[in-house]
Amino acid sequence: DDQDRIPVALPFAETRLVSDRSIWGSYFTADSNVLALTRSDGLDTRRISNSVGWTVPHVGPIGDVYRLNVSLRGDIYNTDGDPVTFSSDGSQKAEARILPRITADWSWPLADATGAWVHQVEPMVSLNVAPTFGNTNKIPNEDSTDFEFDETNLFEPSRFPGLDVVDTGTKIAYGLRFSNFGPRATEFSGSFGQSYSLQENSFIPADSGVQDNLSDYVGALYARPGAWLDLSYRFRLGKSDLQFRRSDALASFGPAFLRFNLGYLNLSKEPQSFDSIGSSGSDPDGFDSREEIVAGVRARLTERLAVGGQTRYDLTAKQAVANQVGLIYTHPCLVLAVGFEQRLTPDAQLGDQTAFLVRVTFQNLGGVETGGGLFGS
């Protein structure tokens, strides 16, 4: 990576305020985000984003749950350079936008018991109404380049991970969540759903599963038949051919002092990345399809210290992709992981790499990480 093109994020601050309950049980929210990105060689970006919202929850006579949210967001950008190429070419410019949104959610949580088991089923519908404007090449895409459509953002008002790209237009998402809880923390749960957009958003990457009016199907399954075994499976199905576009399976098993994990990942052709809104990055064709397995083990040496290792293997290329080994220290206030990662990338310009990684996660607060992905979830 070109270090001069990697920005320093300072300052970066965000706040969220929630009011007390008022009429009809409603409440107000106020969100604020301030960000400054400075590069030694390239685009400098300054952003201030503020939004206010009013939410009205309601429980119907049959136990169905309603929620109405009306919000208004305003963004102000100041850029020095080219917001499309991220180069230092260009003058200092300012850009502003106003983004109203109305969100109406409905769900009907149903529960029943059979012996020691509790069953829950919850159909869900979410309607989002927003204007079709808001995205422009005058605003750089700093925080929403990695777009992935899955069950975690199916019902979100904005499916982008950041603020720079706006999920515009009117869309409706619908689906079902279910869970079954038994004795000794036994659990079987999952979700399944789809979305429909009245207008196509040209700023959503192709091959993402939601680039057309009707999206692909997304879902997840989770099973915990016992304390020594956890199984999860996430998937995306093509809306027309019902072919798997994504399969992500993970099994974790063993007692607490010796835990093993085995994962399988199968991805169809990935969408292209975007360095800025409406402008493809250095890899306009995106990633090719991938099929990988991951195997790892973690052994607890003491109450707070453990040693672990993990390997990732490419089934298509028939070669190892990465190997990791390190120590994990767990404290009530933080989790510290240190170790080495070997990246086997013969097709990359830099070739194979070995890196020393440090990962610090503050319990109930957040994480600070150097390197990447060391014994992450």
Protein backbone atom coordinates (compact mmCIF):
# COMPACT_ATOMS: atom_id res chain seq x y z
CA ASP A 1 0.00 0.00 0.00
CA ASP A 2 1.07 3.55 -0.74
CA GLN A 3 1.45 4.99 2.76
CA ASP A 4 1.03 8.55 1.47
CA ARG A 5 -2.46 7.64 0.24
CA ILE A 6 -3.55 6.21 3.61
CA PRO A 7 -5.27 9.03 5.51
CA VAL A 8 -4.92 10.08 9.11
CA ALA A 9 -8.38 10.21 10.68
CA LEU A 10 -8.15 13.08 13.13
CA PRO A 11 -10.41 14.22 14.51
CA PHE A 12 -13.13 11.58 14.35
CA ALA A 13 -16.05 11.86 16.76
CA GLU A 14 -19.66 10.75 16.85
CA THR A 15 -22.44 11.17 19.38
CA ARG A 16 -25.98 9.87 19.79
CA LEU A 17 -28.58 11.41 22.08
CA VAL A 18 -31.94 9.82 22.92
CA SER A 19 -34.68 11.76 24.68
CA ASP A 20 -37.09 10.60 27.36
CA ARG A 21 -40.44 9.18 26.29
CA SER A 22 -43.18 11.66 25.47
CA ILE A 23 -46.60 11.51 23.79
CA TRP A 24 -47.62 8.03 22.53
CA GLY A 25 -44.36 6.69 23.95
CA SER A 26 -42.42 8.49 21.24
CA TYR A 27 -38.85 9.71 21.59
CA PHE A 28 -36.39 11.94 19.72
CA THR A 29 -32.86 11.09 18.59
CA ALA A 30 -29.97 13.32 17.55
CA ASP A 31 -26.87 11.94 15.84
CA SER A 32 -23.71 13.86 15.02
CA ASN A 33 -20.58 12.80 13.15
CA VAL A 34 -17.41 14.85 12.62
CA LEU A 35 -14.55 13.51 10.50
CA ALA A 36 -11.31 14.87 9.04
CA LEU A 37 -9.16 12.71 6.74
CA THR A 38 -5.71 14.06 5.81
CA ARG A 39 -3.33 12.45 3.31
CA SER A 40 0.31 13.23 2.65
CA ASP A 41 -0.35 12.79 -1.06
CA GLY A 42 -3.95 12.84 -2.19
CA LEU A 43 -7.41 14.02 -1.29
CA ASP A 44 -8.17 15.67 2.05
CA THR A 45 -11.77 15.32 3.26
CA ARG A 46 -13.66 17.14 6.02
CA ARG A 47 -17.21 16.06 6.91
CA ILE A 48 -19.88 17.17 9.35
CA SER A 49 -23.08 15.12 9.48
CA ASN A 50 -26.05 15.80 11.76
CA SER A 51 -29.43 14.08 11.86
CA VAL A 52 -32.56 14.31 13.99
CA GLY A 53 -35.31 11.72 14.19
CA TRP A 54 -38.66 11.08 15.83
CA THR A 55 -39.74 7.49 16.56
CA VAL A 56 -43.23 6.33 17.55
CA PRO A 57 -43.54 2.68 18.71
CA HIS A 58 -46.89 0.95 19.05
CA VAL A 59 -48.16 -2.50 20.02
CA GLY A 60 -51.36 -3.59 18.26
CA PRO A 61 -54.32 -5.49 19.76
CA ILE A 62 -53.06 -8.86 18.47
CA GLY A 63 -49.50 -8.32 19.72
CA ASP A 64 -48.07 -7.03 16.46
CA VAL A 65 -45.44 -4.32 16.80
CA TYR A 66 -45.31 -1.09 14.79
CA ARG A 67 -42.61 1.55 14.61
CA LEU A 68 -42.68 4.81 12.66
CA ASN A 69 -39.50 6.87 12.29
CA VAL A 70 -39.21 10.25 10.59
CA SER A 71 -35.69 11.64 10.20
CA LEU A 72 -33.82 14.48 8.55
CA ARG A 73 -30.07 14.41 7.93
CA GLY A 74 -27.77 17.16 6.74
CA ASP A 75 -24.17 16.68 5.52
CA ILE A 76 -21.50 19.28 4.78
CA TYR A 77 -18.30 18.27 2.97
CA ASN A 78 -15.11 20.19 2.33
CA THR A 79 -12.60 18.54 -0.01
CA ASP A 80 -9.13 19.53 -1.21
CA GLY A 81 -8.27 17.46 -4.27
CA ASP A 82 -10.17 15.26 -6.69
CA PRO A 83 -13.06 13.39 -4.96
CA VAL A 84 -13.26 10.89 -7.84
CA THR A 85 -9.61 9.84 -8.27
CA PHE A 86 -8.57 10.74 -4.69
CA SER A 87 -5.53 12.52 -6.10
CA SER A 88 -4.31 15.94 -4.97
CA ASP A 89 -5.35 17.44 -8.32
CA GLY A 90 -8.11 19.99 -8.02
CA SER A 91 -9.06 22.88 -5.82
CA GLN A 92 -10.79 23.15 -2.48
CA LYS A 93 -14.55 22.65 -2.77
CA ALA A 94 -17.61 22.51 -0.53
CA GLU A 95 -20.74 20.39 -0.97
CA ALA A 96 -23.91 20.04 1.11
CA ARG A 97 -27.01 17.83 1.01
CA ILE A 98 -30.28 17.34 2.91
CA LEU A 99 -31.61 13.77 3.29
CA PRO A 100 -35.14 13.18 4.61
CA ARG A 101 -36.36 9.64 5.31
CA ILE A 102 -39.49 7.88 6.59
CA THR A 103 -39.27 4.33 7.92
CA ALA A 104 -42.24 2.18 8.90
CA ASP A 105 -41.57 -1.22 10.50
CA TRP A 106 -44.04 -3.98 11.31
CA SER A 107 -43.45 -7.33 12.99
CA TRP A 108 -45.56 -9.95 14.73
CA PRO A 109 -43.56 -11.90 17.32
CA LEU A 110 -45.32 -15.19 18.13
CA ALA A 111 -44.20 -17.50 20.94
CA ASP A 112 -45.27 -20.89 22.26
CA ALA A 113 -43.86 -23.59 24.48
CA THR A 114 -43.60 -27.35 24.08
CA GLY A 115 -42.35 -29.01 27.22
CA ALA A 116 -38.97 -27.46 28.06
CA TRP A 117 -38.72 -25.78 24.63
CA VAL A 118 -39.75 -22.24 23.72
CA HIS A 119 -40.53 -21.50 20.05
CA GLN A 120 -40.59 -18.04 18.49
CA VAL A 121 -41.61 -16.97 14.96
CA GLU A 122 -41.58 -13.35 13.81
CA PRO A 123 -42.66 -12.20 10.32
CA MET A 124 -41.25 -8.74 9.53
CA VAL A 125 -41.85 -5.96 6.98
CA SER A 126 -39.99 -2.65 6.69
CA LEU A 127 -40.90 0.22 4.35
CA ASN A 128 -38.34 2.96 3.66
CA VAL A 129 -39.26 6.11 1.76
CA ALA A 130 -36.41 8.42 0.73
CA PRO A 131 -35.68 10.75 -2.19
CA THR A 132 -33.78 9.47 -5.21
CA PHE A 133 -31.15 12.20 -4.93
CA GLY A 134 -28.23 12.48 -2.53
CA ASN A 135 -25.33 10.75 -4.32
CA THR A 136 -22.92 12.83 -6.37
CA ASN A 137 -19.37 12.64 -7.68
CA LYS A 138 -18.60 15.80 -5.74
CA ILE A 139 -18.70 13.76 -2.51
CA PRO A 140 -15.88 11.22 -2.07
CA ASN A 141 -16.70 7.73 -0.92
CA GLU A 142 -14.38 7.29 2.05
CA ASP A 143 -16.39 4.94 4.27
CA SER A 144 -18.76 2.93 2.08
CA THR A 145 -16.49 1.21 -0.43
CA ASP A 146 -17.16 -2.24 1.01
CA PHE A 147 -20.79 -3.06 0.23
CA GLU A 148 -22.25 -6.44 1.13
CA PHE A 149 -25.93 -7.35 1.12
CA ASP A 150 -26.84 -9.94 3.74
CA GLU A 151 -29.32 -10.68 6.51
CA THR A 152 -27.68 -8.21 8.89
CA ASN A 153 -28.62 -5.12 6.84
CA LEU A 154 -31.75 -6.40 5.08
CA PHE A 155 -34.06 -4.33 7.29
CA GLU A 156 -31.71 -1.39 7.81
CA PRO A 157 -32.77 2.02 6.43
CA SER A 158 -29.35 2.28 4.78
CA ARG A 159 -27.53 -0.86 3.71
CA PHE A 160 -24.21 0.96 3.28
CA PRO A 161 -21.72 0.70 6.16
CA GLY A 162 -20.95 4.43 6.24
CA LEU A 163 -22.39 7.87 5.53
CA ASP A 164 -20.80 8.91 2.25
CA VAL A 165 -23.07 6.83 -0.02
CA VAL A 166 -26.82 7.14 0.48
CA ASP A 167 -29.31 4.29 0.09
CA THR A 168 -31.80 6.27 -1.98
CA GLY A 169 -35.34 5.67 -3.21
CA THR A 170 -38.26 3.72 -1.81
CA LYS A 171 -37.82 0.07 -0.84
CA ILE A 172 -39.62 -2.60 1.12
CA ALA A 173 -37.96 -5.50 2.93
CA TYR A 174 -39.81 -8.57 4.14
CA GLY A 175 -38.78 -11.75 5.84
CA LEU A 176 -39.04 -14.10 8.78
CA ARG A 177 -37.05 -14.75 11.94
CA PHE A 178 -37.42 -17.86 14.09
CA SER A 179 -35.79 -19.38 17.15
CA ASN A 180 -36.13 -22.42 19.37
CA PHE A 181 -34.61 -22.48 22.86
CA GLY A 182 -34.28 -25.65 24.88
CA PRO A 183 -32.71 -26.86 28.11
CA ARG A 184 -29.00 -26.40 28.83
CA ALA A 185 -28.79 -23.39 26.45
CA THR A 186 -29.76 -25.45 23.41
CA GLU A 187 -30.72 -23.24 20.47
CA PHE A 188 -31.86 -23.47 16.84
CA SER A 189 -32.56 -20.15 15.10
CA GLY A 190 -32.42 -18.42 11.74
CA SER A 191 -33.70 -15.72 9.41
CA PHE A 192 -34.70 -15.39 5.75
CA GLY A 193 -35.80 -12.44 3.63
CA GLN A 194 -35.72 -10.34 0.48
CA SER A 195 -36.22 -6.70 -0.54
CA TYR A 196 -37.85 -4.83 -3.42
CA SER A 197 -36.85 -1.33 -4.56
CA LEU A 198 -39.15 0.88 -6.57
CA GLN A 199 -36.15 2.57 -8.20
CA GLU A 200 -32.80 1.05 -9.10
CA ASN A 201 -29.82 2.72 -7.41
CA SER A 202 -26.95 3.13 -9.86
CA PHE A 203 -24.51 3.62 -6.97
CA ILE A 204 -25.05 0.07 -5.69
CA PRO A 205 -22.35 -2.20 -7.17
CA ALA A 206 -23.24 -4.76 -9.79
CA ASP A 207 -23.35 -8.42 -8.73
CA SER A 208 -24.13 -7.39 -5.14
CA GLY A 209 -27.50 -9.13 -5.08
CA VAL A 210 -29.48 -5.91 -4.69
CA GLN A 211 -28.55 -4.05 -7.88
CA ASP A 212 -31.97 -4.76 -9.46
CA ASN A 213 -35.45 -3.85 -8.22
CA LEU A 214 -35.93 -7.32 -6.74
CA SER A 215 -33.04 -8.50 -4.58
CA ASP A 216 -31.56 -11.92 -3.99
CA TYR A 217 -32.68 -13.95 -0.97
CA VAL A 218 -30.49 -13.72 2.14
CA GLY A 219 -30.58 -15.71 5.33
CA ALA A 220 -28.74 -17.37 8.18
CA LEU A 221 -29.09 -20.52 10.29
CA TYR A 222 -27.62 -21.14 13.74
CA ALA A 223 -27.61 -24.32 15.82
CA ARG A 224 -26.25 -25.07 19.29
CA PRO A 225 -27.20 -28.67 20.06
CA GLY A 226 -24.88 -28.76 23.05
CA ALA A 227 -22.30 -26.80 25.00
CA TRP A 228 -19.46 -28.28 22.95
CA LEU A 229 -20.81 -27.50 19.47
CA ASP A 230 -21.86 -24.31 17.64
CA LEU A 231 -22.92 -24.35 13.98
CA SER A 232 -23.73 -21.36 11.76
CA TYR A 233 -24.51 -20.94 8.08
CA ARG A 234 -25.05 -17.70 6.14
CA PHE A 235 -26.16 -17.65 2.52
CA ARG A 236 -27.39 -15.60 -0.42
CA LEU A 237 -29.59 -17.18 -3.11
CA GLY A 238 -30.06 -15.81 -6.62
CA LYS A 239 -33.61 -14.51 -7.01
CA SER A 240 -34.16 -16.05 -10.45
CA ASP A 241 -32.15 -19.29 -10.51
CA LEU A 242 -31.96 -19.99 -6.73
CA GLN A 243 -28.25 -20.65 -7.10
CA PHE A 244 -26.05 -19.99 -4.07
CA ARG A 245 -24.17 -16.71 -4.51
CA ARG A 246 -22.66 -16.99 -1.03
CA SER A 247 -22.22 -19.88 1.38
CA ASP A 248 -20.47 -19.25 4.67
CA ALA A 249 -20.47 -22.16 7.12
CA LEU A 250 -18.67 -22.32 10.47
CA ALA A 251 -18.42 -25.05 13.08
CA SER A 252 -16.88 -24.49 16.51
CA PHE A 253 -16.52 -27.50 18.78
CA GLY A 254 -14.72 -28.79 21.82
CA PRO A 255 -14.57 -27.96 25.53
CA ALA A 256 -13.68 -24.47 26.73
CA PHE A 257 -10.02 -25.37 27.37
CA LEU A 258 -9.50 -26.79 23.83
CA ARG A 259 -11.67 -25.26 21.13
CA PHE A 260 -11.55 -26.10 17.41
CA ASN A 261 -13.13 -24.23 14.50
CA LEU A 262 -13.70 -25.32 10.92
CA GLY A 263 -15.15 -23.01 8.27
CA TYR A 264 -16.14 -23.18 4.62
CA LEU A 265 -16.60 -20.18 2.33
CA ASN A 266 -17.94 -20.21 -1.24
CA LEU A 267 -18.44 -16.89 -3.02
CA SER A 268 -19.60 -16.18 -6.53
CA LYS A 269 -18.01 -13.33 -8.46
CA GLU A 270 -17.79 -10.39 -6.03
CA PRO A 271 -19.00 -6.89 -6.94
CA GLN A 272 -16.48 -4.29 -7.98
CA SER A 273 -15.14 -1.99 -5.32
CA PHE A 274 -15.75 1.74 -5.46
CA ASP A 275 -13.08 4.29 -4.58
CA SER A 276 -15.64 7.06 -4.97
CA ILE A 277 -19.30 7.36 -5.79
CA GLY A 278 -20.01 6.21 -9.31
CA SER A 279 -16.34 5.56 -10.06
CA SER A 280 -14.88 2.09 -10.12
CA GLY A 281 -11.63 1.46 -8.34
CA SER A 282 -8.43 -0.18 -9.47
CA ASP A 283 -10.21 -3.55 -9.78
CA PRO A 284 -13.25 -2.81 -11.96
CA ASP A 285 -13.98 -6.50 -12.45
CA GLY A 286 -14.12 -7.21 -8.71
CA PHE A 287 -12.97 -10.50 -7.20
CA ASP A 288 -13.31 -13.83 -8.94
CA SER A 289 -15.33 -16.59 -7.31
CA ARG A 290 -13.66 -18.13 -4.28
CA GLU A 291 -13.88 -21.41 -2.39
CA GLU A 292 -11.91 -21.70 0.84
CA ILE A 293 -11.74 -23.64 4.08
CA VAL A 294 -10.47 -22.33 7.42
CA ALA A 295 -9.24 -24.52 10.27
CA GLY A 296 -8.07 -23.34 13.68
CA VAL A 297 -7.51 -24.37 17.28
CA ARG A 298 -7.29 -22.47 20.56
CA ALA A 299 -5.91 -24.00 23.77
CA ARG A 300 -6.31 -22.35 27.15
CA LEU A 301 -3.04 -22.37 29.10
CA THR A 302 -4.28 -20.52 32.18
CA GLU A 303 -7.46 -18.81 33.28
CA ARG A 304 -6.61 -15.76 31.14
CA LEU A 305 -3.93 -16.90 28.68
CA ALA A 306 -4.51 -19.01 25.56
CA VAL A 307 -2.53 -19.98 22.47
CA GLY A 308 -4.11 -20.34 19.05
CA GLY A 309 -3.40 -21.02 15.42
CA GLN A 310 -5.35 -20.88 12.17
CA THR A 311 -4.85 -21.68 8.50
CA ARG A 312 -6.83 -20.66 5.42
CA TYR A 313 -6.72 -22.89 2.32
CA ASP A 314 -7.86 -22.01 -1.21
CA LEU A 315 -9.64 -25.04 -2.67
CA THR A 316 -9.59 -23.60 -6.20
CA ALA A 317 -5.86 -22.83 -6.32
CA LYS A 318 -5.12 -25.82 -4.05
CA GLN A 319 -2.76 -23.87 -1.82
CA ALA A 320 -2.65 -22.22 1.59
CA VAL A 321 -3.61 -18.54 1.64
CA ALA A 322 -2.67 -17.50 5.19
CA ASN A 323 -1.38 -18.95 8.45
CA GLN A 324 -1.69 -17.38 11.91
CA VAL A 325 -0.30 -18.22 15.32
CA GLY A 326 -0.29 -16.22 18.52
CA LEU A 327 -1.19 -15.66 22.16
CA ILE A 328 -4.51 -14.30 23.48
CA TYR A 329 -4.73 -12.65 26.91
CA THR A 330 -8.23 -12.06 28.30
CA HIS A 331 -8.89 -9.54 31.07
CA PRO A 332 -12.21 -8.20 32.36
CA CYS A 333 -11.30 -4.84 30.81
CA LEU A 334 -9.67 -5.90 27.52
CA VAL A 335 -8.56 -8.71 25.21
CA LEU A 336 -4.98 -8.61 23.88
CA ALA A 337 -3.84 -10.81 20.99
CA VAL A 338 -0.27 -10.85 19.64
CA GLY A 339 1.21 -13.13 17.03
CA PHE A 340 2.42 -13.67 13.50
CA GLU A 341 0.54 -13.96 10.23
CA GLN A 342 2.00 -15.42 7.05
CA ARG A 343 0.21 -14.36 3.88
CA LEU A 344 0.87 -16.58 0.87
CA THR A 345 -0.04 -14.47 -2.17
CA PRO A 346 2.22 -15.46 -5.07
CA ASP A 347 0.09 -13.49 -7.57
CA ALA A 348 0.44 -10.20 -5.66
CA GLN A 349 3.18 -7.70 -6.48
CA LEU A 350 4.74 -7.98 -3.02
CA GLY A 351 4.68 -11.77 -2.94
CA ASP A 352 4.58 -13.68 0.36
CA GLN A 353 4.49 -11.61 3.55
CA THR A 354 5.02 -12.27 7.24
CA ALA A 355 3.60 -9.70 9.64
CA PHE A 356 3.62 -9.20 13.40
CA LEU A 357 0.11 -8.34 14.54
CA VAL A 358 -1.31 -6.74 17.66
CA ARG A 359 -5.02 -6.58 18.40
CA VAL A 360 -6.50 -4.81 21.41
CA THR A 361 -10.23 -5.05 22.13
CA PHE A 362 -11.63 -3.03 25.00
CA GLN A 363 -14.50 -4.95 26.58
CA ASN A 364 -17.88 -3.22 26.11
CA LEU A 365 -16.18 -0.27 24.41
CA GLY A 366 -14.60 -1.10 21.06
CA GLY A 367 -11.34 -2.17 19.50
CA VAL A 368 -8.01 -0.82 18.32
CA GLU A 369 -6.14 -2.99 15.87
CA THR A 370 -2.89 -2.99 13.94
CA GLY A 371 -2.48 -5.51 11.15
CA GLY A 372 -5.68 -7.38 10.61
CA GLY A 373 -7.89 -10.28 11.50
CA LEU A 374 -5.83 -11.94 14.23
CA PHE A 375 -8.15 -14.44 15.90
CA GLY A 376 -11.11 -12.26 15.10
CA SER A 377 -14.66 -13.49 15.19
